N, C-alpha and C. Protein backbone atom coordinates (compact mmCIF):
# COMPACT_ATOMS: atom_id res chain seq x y z
N MET A 1 -15.81 40.64 97.24
CA MET A 1 -14.75 41.50 96.83
C MET A 1 -14.55 42.64 97.81
N ILE A 2 -13.29 43.02 98.05
CA ILE A 2 -12.96 44.10 98.98
C ILE A 2 -12.98 45.42 98.22
N PRO A 3 -13.71 46.41 98.78
CA PRO A 3 -13.75 47.70 98.07
C PRO A 3 -12.38 48.39 98.13
N VAL A 4 -12.03 48.99 97.03
CA VAL A 4 -10.75 49.70 96.95
C VAL A 4 -10.99 51.15 97.37
N SER A 5 -10.18 51.62 98.34
CA SER A 5 -10.35 52.99 98.80
C SER A 5 -9.70 53.95 97.82
N ALA A 6 -10.14 55.17 97.87
CA ALA A 6 -9.58 56.20 96.99
C ALA A 6 -8.14 56.47 97.38
N PRO A 7 -7.33 56.86 96.44
CA PRO A 7 -5.94 57.15 96.78
C PRO A 7 -5.84 58.28 97.80
N ARG A 8 -4.74 58.25 98.51
CA ARG A 8 -4.53 59.23 99.59
C ARG A 8 -4.44 60.65 99.03
N THR A 9 -3.92 60.80 97.85
CA THR A 9 -3.77 62.14 97.27
C THR A 9 -5.11 62.80 97.04
N ALA A 10 -6.13 62.03 96.79
CA ALA A 10 -7.45 62.62 96.60
C ALA A 10 -7.94 63.25 97.89
N LYS A 11 -7.65 62.60 99.03
CA LYS A 11 -8.07 63.16 100.32
C LYS A 11 -7.33 64.45 100.61
N LEU A 12 -6.04 64.48 100.25
CA LEU A 12 -5.27 65.70 100.49
C LEU A 12 -5.77 66.85 99.63
N ALA A 13 -6.19 66.56 98.43
CA ALA A 13 -6.70 67.61 97.55
C ALA A 13 -8.02 68.16 98.07
N GLU A 14 -8.81 67.29 98.73
CA GLU A 14 -10.10 67.73 99.26
C GLU A 14 -9.96 68.51 100.56
N ALA A 15 -8.82 68.45 101.22
CA ALA A 15 -8.64 69.14 102.50
C ALA A 15 -8.74 70.64 102.28
N ARG A 16 -9.33 71.30 103.26
CA ARG A 16 -9.51 72.75 103.10
C ARG A 16 -8.21 73.48 103.35
N LYS A 17 -8.06 74.61 102.75
CA LYS A 17 -6.85 75.41 102.88
C LYS A 17 -6.86 76.09 104.25
N MET A 18 -5.68 76.11 104.90
CA MET A 18 -5.58 76.72 106.22
C MET A 18 -5.59 78.24 106.08
N THR A 19 -6.35 78.87 106.93
CA THR A 19 -6.43 80.33 106.91
C THR A 19 -5.47 80.90 107.96
N LEU A 20 -5.35 82.21 107.96
CA LEU A 20 -4.52 82.88 108.95
C LEU A 20 -5.04 82.59 110.36
N ARG A 21 -6.33 82.52 110.50
CA ARG A 21 -6.93 82.23 111.81
C ARG A 21 -6.50 80.85 112.30
N ASP A 22 -6.46 79.87 111.40
CA ASP A 22 -6.03 78.52 111.77
C ASP A 22 -4.57 78.52 112.22
N HIS A 23 -3.71 79.26 111.51
CA HIS A 23 -2.31 79.34 111.89
C HIS A 23 -2.14 79.98 113.27
N VAL A 24 -2.89 81.04 113.53
CA VAL A 24 -2.81 81.73 114.82
C VAL A 24 -3.30 80.81 115.93
N LEU A 25 -4.39 80.09 115.70
CA LEU A 25 -4.91 79.16 116.71
C LEU A 25 -3.92 78.03 116.99
N ASN A 26 -3.29 77.49 115.95
CA ASN A 26 -2.29 76.44 116.16
C ASN A 26 -1.11 76.97 116.98
N THR A 27 -0.66 78.17 116.66
CA THR A 27 0.44 78.77 117.41
C THR A 27 0.05 78.99 118.86
N PHE A 28 -1.14 79.49 119.09
CA PHE A 28 -1.63 79.72 120.45
C PHE A 28 -1.68 78.41 121.24
N ARG A 29 -2.18 77.34 120.61
CA ARG A 29 -2.25 76.04 121.28
C ARG A 29 -0.86 75.51 121.63
N LEU A 30 0.08 75.70 120.71
CA LEU A 30 1.45 75.26 120.99
C LEU A 30 2.09 76.05 122.12
N VAL A 31 1.83 77.34 122.17
CA VAL A 31 2.38 78.17 123.25
C VAL A 31 1.82 77.71 124.59
N ILE A 32 0.53 77.48 124.65
CA ILE A 32 -0.11 77.01 125.89
C ILE A 32 0.47 75.66 126.31
N LYS A 33 0.66 74.77 125.33
CA LYS A 33 1.24 73.45 125.63
C LYS A 33 2.64 73.58 126.21
N GLU A 34 3.47 74.45 125.62
CA GLU A 34 4.84 74.64 126.11
C GLU A 34 4.85 75.29 127.49
N LEU A 35 3.97 76.23 127.74
CA LEU A 35 3.90 76.86 129.07
C LEU A 35 3.49 75.85 130.13
N ARG A 36 2.59 74.95 129.79
CA ARG A 36 2.20 73.91 130.75
C ARG A 36 3.36 72.96 131.03
N SER A 37 4.12 72.61 130.00
CA SER A 37 5.22 71.67 130.21
C SER A 37 6.37 72.33 130.98
N ILE A 38 6.62 73.61 130.74
CA ILE A 38 7.71 74.28 131.46
C ILE A 38 7.34 74.52 132.92
N ARG A 39 6.07 74.62 133.20
CA ARG A 39 5.62 74.80 134.58
C ARG A 39 5.97 73.59 135.44
N SER A 40 6.04 72.43 134.83
CA SER A 40 6.34 71.22 135.59
C SER A 40 7.84 70.96 135.73
N ASP A 41 8.68 71.82 135.11
CA ASP A 41 10.13 71.65 135.19
C ASP A 41 10.76 72.93 135.75
N PRO A 42 10.94 73.01 137.09
CA PRO A 42 11.42 74.24 137.70
C PRO A 42 12.83 74.65 137.26
N THR A 43 13.69 73.69 136.98
CA THR A 43 15.04 74.02 136.53
C THR A 43 15.00 74.74 135.19
N MET A 44 14.21 74.24 134.27
CA MET A 44 14.09 74.87 132.96
C MET A 44 13.45 76.24 133.09
N LEU A 45 12.51 76.38 133.99
CA LEU A 45 11.88 77.67 134.22
C LEU A 45 12.90 78.71 134.69
N VAL A 46 13.77 78.32 135.61
CA VAL A 46 14.81 79.23 136.10
C VAL A 46 15.76 79.60 134.97
N LEU A 47 16.16 78.63 134.15
CA LEU A 47 17.07 78.91 133.04
C LEU A 47 16.44 79.85 132.00
N VAL A 48 15.17 79.68 131.72
CA VAL A 48 14.49 80.56 130.76
C VAL A 48 14.39 81.98 131.32
N ILE A 49 14.06 82.10 132.59
CA ILE A 49 13.98 83.44 133.20
C ILE A 49 15.35 84.10 133.18
N TYR A 50 16.40 83.35 133.49
CA TYR A 50 17.75 83.90 133.45
C TYR A 50 18.13 84.33 132.02
N ALA A 51 17.84 83.48 131.05
CA ALA A 51 18.26 83.77 129.67
C ALA A 51 17.57 85.00 129.11
N PHE A 52 16.32 85.23 129.49
CA PHE A 52 15.60 86.35 128.93
C PHE A 52 15.56 87.58 129.83
N SER A 53 16.30 87.58 130.93
CA SER A 53 16.32 88.77 131.77
C SER A 53 17.75 89.16 132.12
N ILE A 54 18.37 88.43 133.01
CA ILE A 54 19.70 88.79 133.49
C ILE A 54 20.74 88.73 132.38
N SER A 55 20.73 87.67 131.61
CA SER A 55 21.72 87.49 130.55
C SER A 55 21.59 88.56 129.48
N VAL A 56 20.39 88.84 129.04
CA VAL A 56 20.18 89.87 128.02
C VAL A 56 20.56 91.24 128.56
N ASN A 57 20.21 91.53 129.79
CA ASN A 57 20.54 92.82 130.39
C ASN A 57 22.05 92.99 130.54
N THR A 58 22.76 91.95 130.89
CA THR A 58 24.21 92.03 131.06
C THR A 58 24.89 92.38 129.75
N VAL A 59 24.50 91.74 128.67
CA VAL A 59 25.09 92.02 127.37
C VAL A 59 24.67 93.40 126.87
N ALA A 60 23.43 93.78 127.11
CA ALA A 60 22.92 95.07 126.62
C ALA A 60 23.58 96.26 127.31
N THR A 61 23.95 96.11 128.56
CA THR A 61 24.56 97.22 129.28
C THR A 61 26.05 97.32 129.03
N GLY A 62 26.60 96.41 128.25
CA GLY A 62 28.01 96.49 127.86
C GLY A 62 28.97 95.92 128.87
N ALA A 63 28.51 95.07 129.76
CA ALA A 63 29.40 94.45 130.72
C ALA A 63 30.37 93.52 129.99
N VAL A 64 31.62 93.55 130.39
CA VAL A 64 32.63 92.71 129.76
C VAL A 64 32.50 91.30 130.33
N THR A 65 32.30 90.34 129.44
CA THR A 65 32.14 88.96 129.89
C THR A 65 33.30 88.07 129.45
N GLU A 66 34.29 88.64 128.79
CA GLU A 66 35.42 87.83 128.36
C GLU A 66 36.66 88.17 129.17
N ALA A 67 37.54 87.22 129.26
CA ALA A 67 38.76 87.40 130.06
C ALA A 67 39.80 88.18 129.27
N THR A 68 40.50 89.09 129.95
CA THR A 68 41.60 89.84 129.33
C THR A 68 42.75 89.94 130.33
N ASN A 69 43.96 90.14 129.82
CA ASN A 69 45.16 90.32 130.62
C ASN A 69 45.39 89.18 131.61
N LEU A 70 45.26 87.96 131.15
CA LEU A 70 45.49 86.80 132.00
C LEU A 70 46.97 86.49 132.10
N SER A 71 47.40 86.05 133.23
CA SER A 71 48.79 85.61 133.41
C SER A 71 48.84 84.09 133.34
N VAL A 72 49.81 83.57 132.60
CA VAL A 72 49.94 82.14 132.43
C VAL A 72 51.40 81.77 132.64
N GLY A 73 51.64 80.70 133.37
CA GLY A 73 53.00 80.18 133.55
C GLY A 73 53.19 78.93 132.72
N ILE A 74 54.30 78.85 132.00
CA ILE A 74 54.58 77.68 131.17
C ILE A 74 55.88 77.06 131.65
N VAL A 75 55.85 75.77 131.95
CA VAL A 75 57.04 75.04 132.34
C VAL A 75 57.41 74.15 131.15
N ASP A 76 58.48 74.52 130.46
CA ASP A 76 58.90 73.79 129.26
C ASP A 76 60.12 72.94 129.62
N GLU A 77 59.87 71.74 130.08
CA GLU A 77 60.96 70.88 130.54
C GLU A 77 61.66 70.15 129.41
N ASP A 78 60.98 69.93 128.28
CA ASP A 78 61.60 69.17 127.21
C ASP A 78 61.99 70.02 126.01
N GLY A 79 61.58 71.28 125.96
CA GLY A 79 61.94 72.17 124.85
C GLY A 79 61.35 71.72 123.52
N SER A 80 60.19 71.11 123.54
CA SER A 80 59.59 70.57 122.32
C SER A 80 58.92 71.68 121.49
N ASP A 81 58.65 71.34 120.23
CA ASP A 81 57.96 72.28 119.34
C ASP A 81 56.55 72.58 119.82
N LEU A 82 55.91 71.58 120.39
CA LEU A 82 54.55 71.78 120.90
C LEU A 82 54.53 72.84 122.00
N SER A 83 55.47 72.78 122.92
CA SER A 83 55.53 73.77 123.99
C SER A 83 55.75 75.17 123.42
N ARG A 84 56.62 75.27 122.42
CA ARG A 84 56.89 76.56 121.79
C ARG A 84 55.64 77.09 121.08
N GLN A 85 54.92 76.23 120.39
CA GLN A 85 53.70 76.65 119.68
C GLN A 85 52.62 77.10 120.66
N ILE A 86 52.50 76.41 121.77
CA ILE A 86 51.52 76.81 122.79
C ILE A 86 51.89 78.18 123.35
N ALA A 87 53.17 78.39 123.65
CA ALA A 87 53.61 79.68 124.19
C ALA A 87 53.39 80.80 123.18
N GLU A 88 53.62 80.54 121.90
CA GLU A 88 53.41 81.57 120.87
C GLU A 88 51.93 81.86 120.65
N GLY A 89 51.07 80.91 120.98
CA GLY A 89 49.63 81.09 120.82
C GLY A 89 49.00 81.96 121.89
N LEU A 90 49.71 82.18 122.98
CA LEU A 90 49.18 82.99 124.07
C LEU A 90 49.56 84.44 123.81
N VAL A 91 48.72 85.15 123.08
CA VAL A 91 49.03 86.51 122.65
C VAL A 91 48.10 87.53 123.31
N ARG A 92 48.48 88.79 123.23
CA ARG A 92 47.66 89.89 123.73
C ARG A 92 46.39 90.00 122.90
N PRO A 93 45.33 90.55 123.35
CA PRO A 93 45.08 91.16 124.65
C PRO A 93 44.60 90.17 125.69
N THR A 94 44.37 88.92 125.30
CA THR A 94 43.87 87.95 126.27
C THR A 94 44.95 87.58 127.28
N PHE A 95 46.18 87.41 126.83
CA PHE A 95 47.26 87.00 127.72
C PHE A 95 48.36 88.04 127.74
N GLN A 96 48.95 88.26 128.91
CA GLN A 96 50.09 89.16 129.05
C GLN A 96 51.37 88.40 128.71
N PRO A 97 52.40 89.12 128.25
CA PRO A 97 53.69 88.43 128.05
C PRO A 97 54.27 88.00 129.39
N PRO A 98 55.15 87.02 129.39
CA PRO A 98 55.72 86.54 130.66
C PRO A 98 56.40 87.66 131.42
N GLY A 99 56.13 87.73 132.70
CA GLY A 99 56.77 88.72 133.57
C GLY A 99 56.21 90.11 133.47
N ALA A 100 55.20 90.38 132.65
CA ALA A 100 54.64 91.72 132.50
C ALA A 100 54.00 92.18 133.80
N ASP A 101 53.39 91.26 134.52
CA ASP A 101 52.74 91.61 135.77
C ASP A 101 53.78 92.04 136.81
N ASN A 102 54.90 91.35 136.88
CA ASN A 102 55.95 91.67 137.85
C ASN A 102 56.66 92.96 137.50
N ARG A 103 56.91 93.22 136.21
CA ARG A 103 57.59 94.45 135.81
C ARG A 103 56.77 95.68 136.16
N ALA A 104 55.44 95.59 136.04
CA ALA A 104 54.60 96.74 136.36
C ALA A 104 54.63 97.02 137.86
N ARG A 105 54.75 96.00 138.69
CA ARG A 105 54.77 96.20 140.15
C ARG A 105 56.11 96.74 140.62
N ASP A 106 57.18 96.37 139.92
CA ASP A 106 58.51 96.80 140.35
C ASP A 106 58.78 98.27 140.10
N ARG A 107 58.08 98.90 139.19
CA ARG A 107 58.34 100.31 138.85
C ARG A 107 57.82 101.25 139.88
């Protein structure tokens, strides 16, 4: 006869409870593992350094990273509703009205 093993739930109940020390050690091991893997990938290393230094500093110092006052030319050859809707969607402050750039230079 084949011996019947105890149910799996009994083994889980017997497992010891994880302490704070165990959690900290697991986290430390995972950090070391990730640092070793990133060391072998230079592109990812450059991206991580950029994301946590230059990119954060740029946003923190208030540098404007979005486009404003863009000039756009629209050629509406068929006079369709789609062309009109696209033209109406180009609003301030991101886009200037047509000819605004030229009117400011002419004055």
